[in-house]
Each structure stands twice: as C-alpha cells, then as structure tokens.
Amino acid sequence: MELVVGRVAKSHGVRGELVVEVRTDEPDLRFAPGSTLKGRLPKAKQINQYVVESAREHSGRLLVRLDGLVTREAADALRGMLFVIDTADLPPSEESDEYYDHELEGLTVQLGDGTVVGKVREVLHSAAGELLSITAAEGFPPAGREILVPFVNAMVPTVSIADSLIVIDPPEGLLDPE
C-alpha cells in the first residue's frame, strides 16, 4: 500500500523547480537532498524514481529540484504527480493518539450505542484540519453516501487499530442526510 507524502502543484521558475504540497510530518527527511522519491502521475500505475537535488520552503510549500529536471517544460510535465512511500517501510506510530492515514482507512465506524455508521474511506486533509470520509453502511440510509466527520477528540473519542474500530460522538444533525 502507498502513502502520499507530497503532490506536485506546479512548476516554479524556468530551471525546473517544483512546487510541492507536503503531506508528511517529516518533510526534512522525505525531501532531503540525495534522497530518492517514488513518483506516480495521476491515473498512471507506473512509479518512477527521482533523486532530490535540493528542497527549500517557500510560501508554505516546498520548492524541490530533482536531478536531471532542468527546464520549466520538464517540471510542467510532472504537475499533479504524487510522491509516495510504501507503508510497509514505515515504523509503527509512536504516539497513542497519532495515526497514519492508511491505518484508519477501512476501519468500521460506529456510534457509542454500537450502531454501525460505515467504514472510513479516506482521511481528508484540509486547512481546517483532518476529516474522516466515511462510506455509510447499509443500515445507515442512504447507504453508500459520504459522511464527513472532523477527526477531533470531541467527536472521535475512541480509535482502536487492534479492533479495527472507531467510535464517534457527533453533534446532533451531523450524520443527517442533506
């Protein structure tokens, strides 16, 4: 399974730098000069490897230069590329209340009374914080709809990776269909 650590937003300048939206807590490690990145273009299955020549912060994003990428046109061709790592290469989460996205995806979500709400489809990262995107279960009409729950302690009091379970305590109306 892959975990996205960055996404190429666009090119920067005329010498092949990339503007990368960082999706990792360890950008200094993942994008360190000399490190190798695996990259996959949207809708492509092929993964290519790239060596980081340099990386620097700029306006809340990372400017990355890859070995051999020297023109704006070459950088533009990588727009939308996802930099990924293999989840098998990750150490286990050290903090009891911190999780990798892939650890949460697929977990069953239920209310405190045991009512099954659905399964976590993905973890969305927004400026306001993380959201659990849940696919509603058969018994939670309409089945298959997307339910978004802020991933905060007040609404998600229990996460058990071992039991493949997340218990939520949403405010009234949050789970109601539109």
Protein backbone atom coordinates (compact mmCIF):
# COMPACT_ATOMS: atom_id res chain seq x y z
CA MET A 1 0.00 0.00 0.00
CA GLU A 2 1.19 3.51 -0.77
CA LEU A 3 1.15 6.62 1.37
CA VAL A 4 1.28 10.03 -0.32
CA VAL A 5 3.97 12.32 1.13
CA GLY A 6 3.68 15.15 -1.40
CA ARG A 7 1.96 16.36 -4.54
CA VAL A 8 3.43 18.48 -7.34
CA ALA A 9 1.23 21.58 -7.62
CA LYS A 10 3.09 23.31 -10.46
CA SER A 11 6.47 24.35 -11.76
CA HIS A 12 8.37 27.30 -10.31
CA GLY A 13 10.69 29.48 -12.33
CA VAL A 14 12.44 28.44 -15.53
CA ARG A 15 15.01 25.97 -14.17
CA GLY A 16 12.78 23.01 -13.35
CA GLU A 17 11.88 23.57 -9.72
CA LEU A 18 8.64 22.02 -8.49
CA VAL A 19 6.14 23.48 -6.04
CA VAL A 20 5.24 20.56 -3.78
CA GLU A 21 2.29 20.43 -1.38
CA VAL A 22 3.70 18.50 1.56
CA ARG A 23 1.61 15.67 3.02
CA THR A 24 4.02 14.33 5.60
CA ASP A 25 5.06 15.29 9.10
CA GLU A 26 8.67 14.65 8.10
CA PRO A 27 9.39 16.81 5.03
CA ASP A 28 13.03 17.30 6.06
CA LEU A 29 13.52 13.54 5.93
CA ARG A 30 11.38 12.69 2.89
CA PHE A 31 12.67 15.56 0.70
CA ALA A 32 16.27 15.69 1.96
CA PRO A 33 18.91 16.33 -0.74
CA GLY A 34 20.18 12.99 -2.02
CA SER A 35 17.05 11.08 -1.01
CA THR A 36 15.13 9.05 -3.57
CA LEU A 37 11.45 9.74 -4.13
CA LYS A 38 8.93 7.47 -5.81
CA GLY A 39 6.54 9.42 -8.02
CA ARG A 40 3.34 8.47 -9.82
CA LEU A 41 1.41 10.68 -12.22
CA PRO A 42 -2.39 10.85 -11.76
CA LYS A 43 -4.20 7.85 -13.27
CA ALA A 44 -0.88 6.13 -14.01
CA LYS A 45 0.19 2.84 -12.47
CA GLN A 46 3.88 3.23 -13.28
CA ILE A 47 6.07 4.57 -10.49
CA ASN A 48 9.31 6.36 -11.35
CA GLN A 49 12.18 7.20 -9.03
CA TYR A 50 13.66 10.65 -8.63
CA VAL A 51 16.64 11.92 -6.64
CA VAL A 52 16.21 15.17 -4.71
CA GLU A 53 18.87 17.73 -5.60
CA SER A 54 17.57 20.45 -3.28
CA ALA A 55 14.50 21.48 -1.30
CA ARG A 56 13.56 24.73 0.39
CA GLU A 57 10.46 26.21 1.96
CA HIS A 58 8.63 28.94 0.05
CA SER A 59 5.22 30.46 0.92
CA GLY A 60 4.05 27.47 2.94
CA ARG A 61 5.06 24.96 0.29
CA LEU A 62 8.26 23.23 -0.63
CA LEU A 63 10.32 24.07 -3.71
CA VAL A 64 12.03 20.89 -4.85
CA ARG A 65 14.65 20.43 -7.54
CA LEU A 66 15.13 16.88 -8.87
CA ASP A 67 18.30 15.59 -10.52
CA GLY A 68 18.02 15.85 -14.29
CA LEU A 69 14.97 18.13 -14.24
CA VAL A 70 16.30 21.42 -15.62
CA THR A 71 13.53 23.10 -17.63
CA ARG A 72 10.12 24.55 -16.88
CA GLU A 73 8.61 22.28 -19.54
CA ALA A 74 10.01 19.17 -17.85
CA ALA A 75 8.67 20.39 -14.49
CA ASP A 76 5.26 21.16 -16.00
CA ALA A 77 5.07 17.56 -17.24
CA LEU A 78 5.14 16.42 -13.60
CA ARG A 79 2.18 18.56 -12.49
CA GLY A 80 -0.13 16.51 -10.29
CA MET A 81 2.49 13.84 -9.59
CA LEU A 82 2.13 12.15 -6.22
CA PHE A 83 5.27 11.32 -4.27
CA VAL A 84 4.62 8.09 -2.40
CA ILE A 85 6.25 5.73 0.06
CA ASP A 86 5.43 2.11 0.79
CA THR A 87 3.52 1.81 4.06
CA ALA A 88 5.47 -1.37 4.86
CA ASP A 89 8.58 0.83 5.18
CA LEU A 90 7.03 2.95 7.95
CA PRO A 91 7.71 2.37 11.63
CA PRO A 92 4.63 1.90 13.83
CA SER A 93 3.01 5.05 15.20
CA GLU A 94 4.81 6.01 18.40
CA GLU A 95 2.12 8.22 19.94
CA SER A 96 -1.07 6.60 21.22
CA ASP A 97 -3.22 9.31 19.62
CA GLU A 98 -1.42 9.67 16.27
CA TYR A 99 -2.21 7.54 13.26
CA TYR A 100 -1.12 7.17 9.68
CA ASP A 101 -3.96 7.67 7.20
CA HIS A 102 -3.64 4.09 5.95
CA GLU A 103 -4.14 2.77 9.49
CA LEU A 104 -7.57 4.42 9.66
CA GLU A 105 -8.78 3.61 6.15
CA GLY A 106 -11.12 0.63 6.18
CA LEU A 107 -11.90 0.77 9.91
CA THR A 108 -15.52 0.33 10.98
CA VAL A 109 -17.14 3.46 12.42
CA GLN A 110 -19.90 3.17 14.99
CA LEU A 111 -21.79 5.29 17.47
CA GLY A 112 -21.36 4.82 21.22
CA ASP A 113 -24.51 2.66 21.31
CA GLY A 114 -23.00 0.23 18.78
CA THR A 115 -24.91 1.46 15.71
CA VAL A 116 -22.65 0.93 12.69
CA VAL A 117 -22.29 4.13 10.69
CA GLY A 118 -19.96 2.80 7.97
CA LYS A 119 -16.28 2.44 7.08
CA VAL A 120 -13.54 5.04 6.73
CA ARG A 121 -12.89 5.52 3.02
CA GLU A 122 -10.08 8.03 3.43
CA VAL A 123 -8.67 10.77 5.63
CA LEU A 124 -9.03 14.21 4.08
CA HIS A 125 -6.57 16.95 4.98
CA SER A 126 -7.93 20.48 4.86
CA ALA A 127 -6.84 23.86 6.14
CA ALA A 128 -9.34 23.44 8.99
CA GLY A 129 -7.96 20.02 9.99
CA GLU A 130 -8.45 16.36 9.21
CA LEU A 131 -11.80 14.84 8.25
CA LEU A 132 -12.80 11.19 8.19
CA SER A 133 -14.58 10.42 4.92
CA ILE A 134 -16.95 7.59 5.84
CA THR A 135 -18.97 5.48 3.41
CA ALA A 136 -22.37 4.93 5.03
CA ALA A 137 -23.33 1.34 5.87
CA GLU A 138 -26.45 -0.43 4.54
CA GLY A 139 -28.39 0.26 7.72
CA PHE A 140 -27.47 3.93 7.73
CA PRO A 141 -29.52 5.48 4.90
CA PRO A 142 -28.86 6.34 2.31
CA ALA A 143 -26.28 3.56 2.09
CA GLY A 144 -23.07 4.41 0.27
CA ARG A 145 -23.28 8.18 0.81
CA GLU A 146 -20.25 10.07 2.05
CA ILE A 147 -20.29 11.29 5.64
CA LEU A 148 -17.60 13.74 6.77
CA VAL A 149 -16.65 13.77 10.45
CA PRO A 150 -13.99 16.11 11.86
CA PHE A 151 -11.18 13.98 13.29
CA VAL A 152 -11.05 15.68 16.70
CA ASN A 153 -11.16 14.12 20.18
CA ALA A 154 -14.57 15.63 20.98
CA MET A 155 -16.19 13.78 18.05
CA VAL A 156 -13.86 10.78 17.77
CA PRO A 157 -13.25 9.66 21.36
CA THR A 158 -12.11 6.11 20.54
CA VAL A 159 -9.80 4.71 17.88
CA SER A 160 -8.73 1.08 18.16
CA ILE A 161 -6.49 -0.13 15.36
CA ALA A 162 -6.34 -3.58 17.03
CA ASP A 163 -10.15 -3.89 16.96
CA SER A 164 -10.49 -2.18 13.54
CA LEU A 165 -12.95 0.21 15.17
CA ILE A 166 -13.59 3.93 15.54
CA VAL A 167 -16.32 5.17 17.88
CA ILE A 168 -17.74 8.61 17.11
CA ASP A 169 -19.87 11.02 19.15
CA PRO A 170 -21.16 13.51 16.56
CA PRO A 171 -23.25 16.56 17.41
CA GLU A 172 -26.92 16.42 16.52
CA GLY A 173 -27.55 16.75 12.80
CA LEU A 174 -24.01 15.93 11.60
CA LEU A 175 -24.97 12.50 10.30
CA ASP A 176 -28.31 13.55 8.80
CA PRO A 177 -28.52 13.26 5.00
CA GLU A 178 -28.71 16.58 3.18
